[in-house]
């Protein structure tokens, strides 16, 4: 549904670009931008009707998406996954919607034997081309869960920029189990250093993918039952 909203926005933008209308006063899709779209003067009556129809469709899809977000938020507070959601929200870049989605996509974390196996499931491990004794690493395989991969890449954006020490993440982390608090703190320290080191010599997309590959390992470790948990590398 989120992709449907993005597609509808793109459709409206292309419709306006073909007619020479560009919004330059503020951020797109803000309340002021939506008012501008509703009040925009166009030369052809049919264009105005078409634009109004597309705007109505966009608002309908946004409303549906907001309702679905509310349902996911409520689902995350139910007893069977409440502790798992609190555990994942201890990590920077992970809020309730992302937490519930990760839990849904991973399923039972005990089915994975290692962090490497989890990252392979997400399709963010490097591809490999071997010939004899020569081993050449290539781009990520993308042969995995695309939804989970996208969520991880979005989450690591938070490790690529500075943030205050008194952020809301600290408060969310305090609500997680003690074992998970330690994992989340270690993850934050490592992933920030990892991103900075890679961004100096690699494209930012490569750096973020590498950090996402490690992040899912930490998230998996946090979801494991305490008796099954192992020390993350």
C-alpha atoms as a PDB file:
ATOM      1  CA  UNK A   1       0.000   0.000   0.000  1.00  0.00           C
ATOM      2  CA  UNK A   2       2.924   2.308   0.624  1.00  0.00           C
ATOM      3  CA  UNK A   3       4.165   1.546  -2.890  1.00  0.00           C
ATOM      4  CA  UNK A   4       0.691   2.387  -4.239  1.00  0.00           C
ATOM      5  CA  UNK A   5       0.903   5.824  -2.593  1.00  0.00           C
ATOM      6  CA  UNK A   6       4.343   6.421  -4.143  1.00  0.00           C
ATOM      7  CA  UNK A   7       3.100   5.359  -7.585  1.00  0.00           C
ATOM      8  CA  UNK A   8       0.139   7.717  -7.338  1.00  0.00           C
ATOM      9  CA  UNK A   9       2.401  10.604  -6.369  1.00  0.00           C
ATOM     10  CA  UNK A  10       4.671   9.881  -9.313  1.00  0.00           C
ATOM     11  CA  UNK A  11       1.677   9.771 -11.634  1.00  0.00           C
ATOM     12  CA  UNK A  12       0.532  13.207 -10.461  1.00  0.00           C
ATOM     13  CA  UNK A  13       4.019  14.680 -10.787  1.00  0.00           C
ATOM     14  CA  UNK A  14       4.463  13.377 -14.340  1.00  0.00           C
ATOM     15  CA  UNK A  15       1.010  14.647 -15.274  1.00  0.00           C
ATOM     16  CA  UNK A  16       1.948  18.144 -14.093  1.00  0.00           C
ATOM     17  CA  UNK A  17       5.456  18.116 -15.589  1.00  0.00           C
ATOM     18  CA  UNK A  18       4.040  17.369 -19.035  1.00  0.00           C
ATOM     19  CA  UNK A  19       1.972  20.551 -18.666  1.00  0.00           C
ATOM     20  CA  UNK A  20       4.814  22.686 -17.277  1.00  0.00           C
ATOM     21  CA  UNK A  21       3.613  22.931 -13.661  1.00  0.00           C
ATOM     22  CA  UNK A  22       6.329  22.615 -10.989  1.00  0.00           C
ATOM     23  CA  UNK A  23       5.886  23.303  -7.283  1.00  0.00           C
ATOM     24  CA  UNK A  24       8.861  25.358  -6.041  1.00  0.00           C
ATOM     25  CA  UNK A  25       7.586  26.751  -2.757  1.00  0.00           C
ATOM     26  CA  UNK A  26       8.301  24.218  -0.033  1.00  0.00           C
ATOM     27  CA  UNK A  27       8.336  20.449   0.235  1.00  0.00           C
ATOM     28  CA  UNK A  28       6.267  18.244  -2.020  1.00  0.00           C
ATOM     29  CA  UNK A  29       3.198  16.533  -0.521  1.00  0.00           C
ATOM     30  CA  UNK A  30       3.134  18.880   2.461  1.00  0.00           C
ATOM     31  CA  UNK A  31      -0.226  20.510   3.371  1.00  0.00           C
ATOM     32  CA  UNK A  32       0.808  23.661   1.474  1.00  0.00           C
ATOM     33  CA  UNK A  33       1.704  21.570  -1.581  1.00  0.00           C
ATOM     34  CA  UNK A  34      -1.648  19.783  -1.480  1.00  0.00           C
ATOM     35  CA  UNK A  35      -3.448  23.141  -1.295  1.00  0.00           C
ATOM     36  CA  UNK A  36      -1.413  24.326  -4.285  1.00  0.00           C
ATOM     37  CA  UNK A  37      -2.463  21.254  -6.253  1.00  0.00           C
ATOM     38  CA  UNK A  38      -6.140  21.800  -5.433  1.00  0.00           C
ATOM     39  CA  UNK A  39      -6.002  25.488  -6.394  1.00  0.00           C
ATOM     40  CA  UNK A  40      -3.780  25.110  -9.454  1.00  0.00           C
ATOM     41  CA  UNK A  41      -5.151  26.871 -12.530  1.00  0.00           C
ATOM     42  CA  UNK A  42      -4.970  24.733 -15.673  1.00  0.00           C
ATOM     43  CA  UNK A  43      -5.895  25.673 -19.231  1.00  0.00           C
ATOM     44  CA  UNK A  44      -8.016  22.628 -20.087  1.00  0.00           C
ATOM     45  CA  UNK A  45     -11.107  21.723 -18.068  1.00  0.00           C
ATOM     46  CA  UNK A  46     -10.540  18.004 -18.579  1.00  0.00           C
ATOM     47  CA  UNK A  47      -7.055  18.358 -17.062  1.00  0.00           C
ATOM     48  CA  UNK A  48      -8.568  19.901 -13.933  1.00  0.00           C
ATOM     49  CA  UNK A  49     -11.037  17.036 -13.639  1.00  0.00           C
ATOM     50  CA  UNK A  50      -8.288  14.472 -14.182  1.00  0.00           C
ATOM     51  CA  UNK A  51      -6.044  16.094 -11.576  1.00  0.00           C
ATOM     52  CA  UNK A  52      -8.868  16.262  -9.030  1.00  0.00           C
ATOM     53  CA  UNK A  53      -9.609  12.584  -9.633  1.00  0.00           C
ATOM     54  CA  UNK A  54      -5.968  11.629  -9.077  1.00  0.00           C
ATOM     55  CA  UNK A  55      -5.766  13.759  -5.917  1.00  0.00           C
ATOM     56  CA  UNK A  56      -8.914  12.102  -4.565  1.00  0.00           C
ATOM     57  CA  UNK A  57      -7.380   8.699  -5.280  1.00  0.00           C
ATOM     58  CA  UNK A  58      -4.126   9.712  -3.561  1.00  0.00           C
ATOM     59  CA  UNK A  59      -5.955  10.885  -0.444  1.00  0.00           C
ATOM     60  CA  UNK A  60      -7.976   7.672  -0.374  1.00  0.00           C
ATOM     61  CA  UNK A  61      -4.816   5.561  -0.548  1.00  0.00           C
ATOM     62  CA  UNK A  62      -3.110   7.672   2.114  1.00  0.00           C
ATOM     63  CA  UNK A  63      -6.104   7.237   4.415  1.00  0.00           C
ATOM     64  CA  UNK A  64      -6.089   3.468   3.848  1.00  0.00           C
ATOM     65  CA  UNK A  65      -2.368   3.356   4.569  1.00  0.00           C
ATOM     66  CA  UNK A  66      -2.790   5.339   7.790  1.00  0.00           C
ATOM     67  CA  UNK A  67      -5.504   2.930   8.965  1.00  0.00           C
ATOM     68  CA  UNK A  68      -3.278  -0.034   8.193  1.00  0.00           C
ATOM     69  CA  UNK A  69      -0.414   1.588  10.121  1.00  0.00           C
ATOM     70  CA  UNK A  70      -2.754   1.915  13.110  1.00  0.00           C
ATOM     71  CA  UNK A  71      -3.680  -1.767  12.864  1.00  0.00           C
ATOM     72  CA  UNK A  72      -0.005  -2.753  12.785  1.00  0.00           C
ATOM     73  CA  UNK A  73       0.690  -0.536  15.806  1.00  0.00           C
ATOM     74  CA  UNK A  74      -2.134  -2.271  17.689  1.00  0.00           C
ATOM     75  CA  UNK A  75      -0.870  -5.688  16.599  1.00  0.00           C
ATOM     76  CA  UNK A  76       2.537  -4.868  18.034  1.00  0.00           C
ATOM     77  CA  UNK A  77       0.996  -4.321  21.454  1.00  0.00           C
ATOM     78  CA  UNK A  78      -0.589  -7.773  21.627  1.00  0.00           C
ATOM     79  CA  UNK A  79       0.862 -10.147  24.173  1.00  0.00           C
ATOM     80  CA  UNK A  80       2.337 -12.756  21.827  1.00  0.00           C
ATOM     81  CA  UNK A  81       4.802 -10.335  20.191  1.00  0.00           C
ATOM     82  CA  UNK A  82       4.871  -7.366  22.570  1.00  0.00           C
ATOM     83  CA  UNK A  83       8.242  -8.266  24.097  1.00  0.00           C
ATOM     84  CA  UNK A  84       9.774  -8.974  20.681  1.00  0.00           C
ATOM     85  CA  UNK A  85       8.608  -5.571  19.422  1.00  0.00           C
ATOM     86  CA  UNK A  86      10.068  -3.824  22.481  1.00  0.00           C
ATOM     87  CA  UNK A  87      13.327  -5.679  21.894  1.00  0.00           C
ATOM     88  CA  UNK A  88      13.645  -4.554  18.278  1.00  0.00           C
ATOM     89  CA  UNK A  89      12.651  -0.972  19.097  1.00  0.00           C
ATOM     90  CA  UNK A  90      15.760  -0.803  21.290  1.00  0.00           C
ATOM     91  CA  UNK A  91      17.750  -0.475  18.036  1.00  0.00           C
ATOM     92  CA  UNK A  92      18.256   2.841  16.318  1.00  0.00           C
ATOM     93  CA  UNK A  93      16.228   3.106  13.120  1.00  0.00           C
ATOM     94  CA  UNK A  94      13.610   0.568  14.247  1.00  0.00           C
ATOM     95  CA  UNK A  95      10.174   1.687  15.389  1.00  0.00           C
ATOM     96  CA  UNK A  96       6.996  -0.297  15.881  1.00  0.00           C
ATOM     97  CA  UNK A  97       6.019  -0.673  12.214  1.00  0.00           C
ATOM     98  CA  UNK A  98       9.482  -1.875  11.217  1.00  0.00           C
ATOM     99  CA  UNK A  99       9.667  -4.131  14.267  1.00  0.00           C
ATOM    100  CA  UNK A 100       6.376  -5.876  13.487  1.00  0.00           C
ATOM    101  CA  UNK A 101       7.385  -6.267   9.843  1.00  0.00           C
ATOM    102  CA  UNK A 102      10.747  -7.825  10.758  1.00  0.00           C
ATOM    103  CA  UNK A 103       9.025 -10.256  13.126  1.00  0.00           C
ATOM    104  CA  UNK A 104       6.495 -11.192  10.436  1.00  0.00           C
ATOM    105  CA  UNK A 105       9.115 -11.696   7.710  1.00  0.00           C
ATOM    106  CA  UNK A 106      11.631 -13.650   9.827  1.00  0.00           C
ATOM    107  CA  UNK A 107       9.107 -15.896  11.528  1.00  0.00           C
ATOM    108  CA  UNK A 108      10.659 -18.153  14.154  1.00  0.00           C
ATOM    109  CA  UNK A 109      14.253 -16.857  14.610  1.00  0.00           C
ATOM    110  CA  UNK A 110      15.379 -20.308  15.800  1.00  0.00           C
ATOM    111  CA  UNK A 111      15.149 -21.625  12.235  1.00  0.00           C
ATOM    112  CA  UNK A 112      18.336 -19.702  11.421  1.00  0.00           C
ATOM    113  CA  UNK A 113      21.591 -21.110  12.771  1.00  0.00           C
ATOM    114  CA  UNK A 114      23.761 -18.021  12.310  1.00  0.00           C
ATOM    115  CA  UNK A 115      23.698 -14.312  11.485  1.00  0.00           C
ATOM    116  CA  UNK A 116      25.192 -15.150   8.075  1.00  0.00           C
ATOM    117  CA  UNK A 117      22.246 -17.409   7.310  1.00  0.00           C
ATOM    118  CA  UNK A 118      19.809 -14.620   8.205  1.00  0.00           C
ATOM    119  CA  UNK A 119      21.568 -12.103   5.956  1.00  0.00           C
ATOM    120  CA  UNK A 120      21.527 -14.665   3.153  1.00  0.00           C
ATOM    121  CA  UNK A 121      17.758 -15.022   3.644  1.00  0.00           C
ATOM    122  CA  UNK A 122      17.481 -11.258   3.109  1.00  0.00           C
ATOM    123  CA  UNK A 123      19.568 -11.378  -0.071  1.00  0.00           C
ATOM    124  CA  UNK A 124      22.207  -8.935   1.198  1.00  0.00           C
ATOM    125  CA  UNK A 125      25.232 -11.239   1.133  1.00  0.00           C
ATOM    126  CA  UNK A 126      27.829 -10.651  -1.627  1.00  0.00           C
ATOM    127  CA  UNK A 127      27.618 -12.863  -4.671  1.00  0.00           C
ATOM    128  CA  UNK A 128      30.606 -15.088  -5.366  1.00  0.00           C
ATOM    129  CA  UNK A 129      32.279 -16.123  -8.627  1.00  0.00           C
ATOM    130  CA  UNK A 130      34.836 -18.864  -8.094  1.00  0.00           C
ATOM    131  CA  UNK A 131      37.211 -20.497 -10.540  1.00  0.00           C
ATOM    132  CA  UNK A 132      39.751 -22.909  -9.132  1.00  0.00           C
ATOM    133  CA  UNK A 133      41.489 -21.156  -6.269  1.00  0.00           C
ATOM    134  CA  UNK A 134      40.296 -17.704  -7.358  1.00  0.00           C
ATOM    135  CA  UNK A 135      37.334 -16.230  -5.492  1.00  0.00           C
ATOM    136  CA  UNK A 136      35.779 -12.984  -6.689  1.00  0.00           C
ATOM    137  CA  UNK A 137      33.114 -11.182  -4.660  1.00  0.00           C
ATOM    138  CA  UNK A 138      30.393  -9.355  -6.541  1.00  0.00           C
ATOM    139  CA  UNK A 139      27.229  -7.347  -5.779  1.00  0.00           C
ATOM    140  CA  UNK A 140      24.683  -8.602  -3.276  1.00  0.00           C
ATOM    141  CA  UNK A 141      22.668 -11.587  -4.445  1.00  0.00           C
ATOM    142  CA  UNK A 142      19.207 -10.009  -4.029  1.00  0.00           C
ATOM    143  CA  UNK A 143      18.020 -13.633  -3.932  1.00  0.00           C
ATOM    144  CA  UNK A 144      16.019 -13.255  -0.759  1.00  0.00           C
ATOM    145  CA  UNK A 145      13.255 -11.401   1.015  1.00  0.00           C
ATOM    146  CA  UNK A 146      12.950  -8.070  -0.823  1.00  0.00           C
ATOM    147  CA  UNK A 147      10.565  -6.513   1.710  1.00  0.00           C
ATOM    148  CA  UNK A 148      12.889  -7.222   4.610  1.00  0.00           C
ATOM    149  CA  UNK A 149      15.890  -5.998   2.613  1.00  0.00           C
ATOM    150  CA  UNK A 150      14.167  -2.674   1.924  1.00  0.00           C
ATOM    151  CA  UNK A 151      13.250  -2.222   5.595  1.00  0.00           C
ATOM    152  CA  UNK A 152      16.844  -2.827   6.666  1.00  0.00           C
ATOM    153  CA  UNK A 153      18.286  -0.339   4.182  1.00  0.00           C
ATOM    154  CA  UNK A 154      15.777   2.269   5.375  1.00  0.00           C
ATOM    155  CA  UNK A 155      16.691   1.588   9.000  1.00  0.00           C
ATOM    156  CA  UNK A 156      20.435   2.058   8.492  1.00  0.00           C
ATOM    157  CA  UNK A 157      19.886   5.612   7.249  1.00  0.00           C
ATOM    158  CA  UNK A 158      19.908   6.525  10.943  1.00  0.00           C
ATOM    159  CA  UNK A 159      23.485   5.282  11.341  1.00  0.00           C
ATOM    160  CA  UNK A 160      24.647   7.536   8.516  1.00  0.00           C
ATOM    161  CA  UNK A 161      23.881  10.812  10.253  1.00  0.00           C
ATOM    162  CA  UNK A 162      24.655  12.366  13.641  1.00  0.00           C
ATOM    163  CA  UNK A 163      22.064  12.348  16.402  1.00  0.00           C
ATOM    164  CA  UNK A 164      21.778  13.670  19.970  1.00  0.00           C
ATOM    165  CA  UNK A 165      22.564  11.433  22.917  1.00  0.00           C
ATOM    166  CA  UNK A 166      19.211  12.233  24.543  1.00  0.00           C
ATOM    167  CA  UNK A 167      17.176  10.881  21.628  1.00  0.00           C
ATOM    168  CA  UNK A 168      13.973   8.883  21.993  1.00  0.00           C
ATOM    169  CA  UNK A 169      15.932   5.729  21.190  1.00  0.00           C
ATOM    170  CA  UNK A 170      17.469   5.780  24.668  1.00  0.00           C
ATOM    171  CA  UNK A 171      13.989   5.781  26.227  1.00  0.00           C
ATOM    172  CA  UNK A 172      12.818   2.900  23.994  1.00  0.00           C
ATOM    173  CA  UNK A 173      15.958   0.928  24.789  1.00  0.00           C
ATOM    174  CA  UNK A 174      15.287   1.228  28.514  1.00  0.00           C
ATOM    175  CA  UNK A 175      12.019  -0.708  27.997  1.00  0.00           C
ATOM    176  CA  UNK A 176      13.778  -3.680  26.413  1.00  0.00           C
ATOM    177  CA  UNK A 177      15.104  -6.716  28.319  1.00  0.00           C
ATOM    178  CA  UNK A 178      18.550  -6.210  29.844  1.00  0.00           C
ATOM    179  CA  UNK A 179      20.150  -8.718  27.483  1.00  0.00           C
ATOM    180  CA  UNK A 180      18.745  -6.887  24.465  1.00  0.00           C
ATOM    181  CA  UNK A 181      19.850  -3.498  25.776  1.00  0.00           C
ATOM    182  CA  UNK A 182      23.440  -4.719  25.724  1.00  0.00           C
ATOM    183  CA  UNK A 183      23.067  -6.082  22.168  1.00  0.00           C
ATOM    184  CA  UNK A 184      21.486  -2.836  20.930  1.00  0.00           C
ATOM    185  CA  UNK A 185      24.185  -0.673  22.513  1.00  0.00           C
ATOM    186  CA  UNK A 186      26.938  -2.818  21.003  1.00  0.00           C
ATOM    187  CA  UNK A 187      25.190  -2.724  17.621  1.00  0.00           C
ATOM    188  CA  UNK A 188      24.915   1.055  17.653  1.00  0.00           C
ATOM    189  CA  UNK A 189      28.574   1.548  18.474  1.00  0.00           C
ATOM    190  CA  UNK A 190      29.768  -0.933  15.863  1.00  0.00           C
ATOM    191  CA  UNK A 191      27.433   0.074  13.037  1.00  0.00           C
ATOM    192  CA  UNK A 192      28.214   3.779  13.360  1.00  0.00           C
ATOM    193  CA  UNK A 193      31.955   3.043  13.153  1.00  0.00           C
ATOM    194  CA  UNK A 194      31.374   0.599  10.320  1.00  0.00           C
ATOM    195  CA  UNK A 195      29.422   3.075   8.241  1.00  0.00           C
ATOM    196  CA  UNK A 196      31.932   5.904   8.737  1.00  0.00           C
ATOM    197  CA  UNK A 197      34.853   3.651   7.803  1.00  0.00           C
ATOM    198  CA  UNK A 198      33.149   2.351   4.652  1.00  0.00           C
ATOM    199  CA  UNK A 199      31.728   5.697   3.508  1.00  0.00           C
ATOM    200  CA  UNK A 200      35.246   7.127   3.211  1.00  0.00           C
ATOM    201  CA  UNK A 201      36.255   4.656   0.493  1.00  0.00           C
ATOM    202  CA  UNK A 202      32.973   3.223  -0.826  1.00  0.00           C
ATOM    203  CA  UNK A 203      29.775   4.567  -2.350  1.00  0.00           C
ATOM    204  CA  UNK A 204      27.206   5.383   0.336  1.00  0.00           C
ATOM    205  CA  UNK A 205      24.838   2.724  -1.031  1.00  0.00           C
ATOM    206  CA  UNK A 206      27.545   0.081  -0.632  1.00  0.00           C
ATOM    207  CA  UNK A 207      28.237   1.269   2.913  1.00  0.00           C
ATOM    208  CA  UNK A 208      24.558   1.186   3.858  1.00  0.00           C
ATOM    209  CA  UNK A 209      24.110  -2.303   2.424  1.00  0.00           C
ATOM    210  CA  UNK A 210      27.091  -3.583   4.406  1.00  0.00           C
ATOM    211  CA  UNK A 211      25.690  -2.031   7.595  1.00  0.00           C
ATOM    212  CA  UNK A 212      22.240  -3.497   6.853  1.00  0.00           C
ATOM    213  CA  UNK A 213      23.853  -6.931   6.548  1.00  0.00           C
ATOM    214  CA  UNK A 214      25.231  -6.603  10.074  1.00  0.00           C
ATOM    215  CA  UNK A 215      22.084  -4.993  11.474  1.00  0.00           C
ATOM    216  CA  UNK A 216      19.895  -7.976  10.653  1.00  0.00           C
ATOM    217  CA  UNK A 217      22.346 -10.184  12.548  1.00  0.00           C
ATOM    218  CA  UNK A 218      21.940  -8.059  15.652  1.00  0.00           C
ATOM    219  CA  UNK A 219      18.141  -8.005  15.280  1.00  0.00           C
ATOM    220  CA  UNK A 220      18.087 -11.772  14.911  1.00  0.00           C
ATOM    221  CA  UNK A 221      20.197 -12.160  18.065  1.00  0.00           C
ATOM    222  CA  UNK A 222      17.784  -9.902  19.962  1.00  0.00           C
ATOM    223  CA  UNK A 223      14.785 -12.009  18.893  1.00  0.00           C
ATOM    224  CA  UNK A 224      16.296 -15.332  19.949  1.00  0.00           C
ATOM    225  CA  UNK A 225      15.041 -16.742  23.259  1.00  0.00           C
ATOM    226  CA  UNK A 226      17.599 -16.134  25.996  1.00  0.00           C
ATOM    227  CA  UNK A 227      18.483 -19.812  26.308  1.00  0.00           C
ATOM    228  CA  UNK A 228      19.175 -19.989  22.572  1.00  0.00           C
ATOM    229  CA  UNK A 229      21.012 -16.682  22.213  1.00  0.00           C
ATOM    230  CA  UNK A 230      24.655 -16.576  21.256  1.00  0.00           C
ATOM    231  CA  UNK A 231      27.185 -13.809  21.368  1.00  0.00           C
ATOM    232  CA  UNK A 232      27.024 -11.745  18.194  1.00  0.00           C
ATOM    233  CA  UNK A 233      30.393 -11.451  16.377  1.00  0.00           C
END
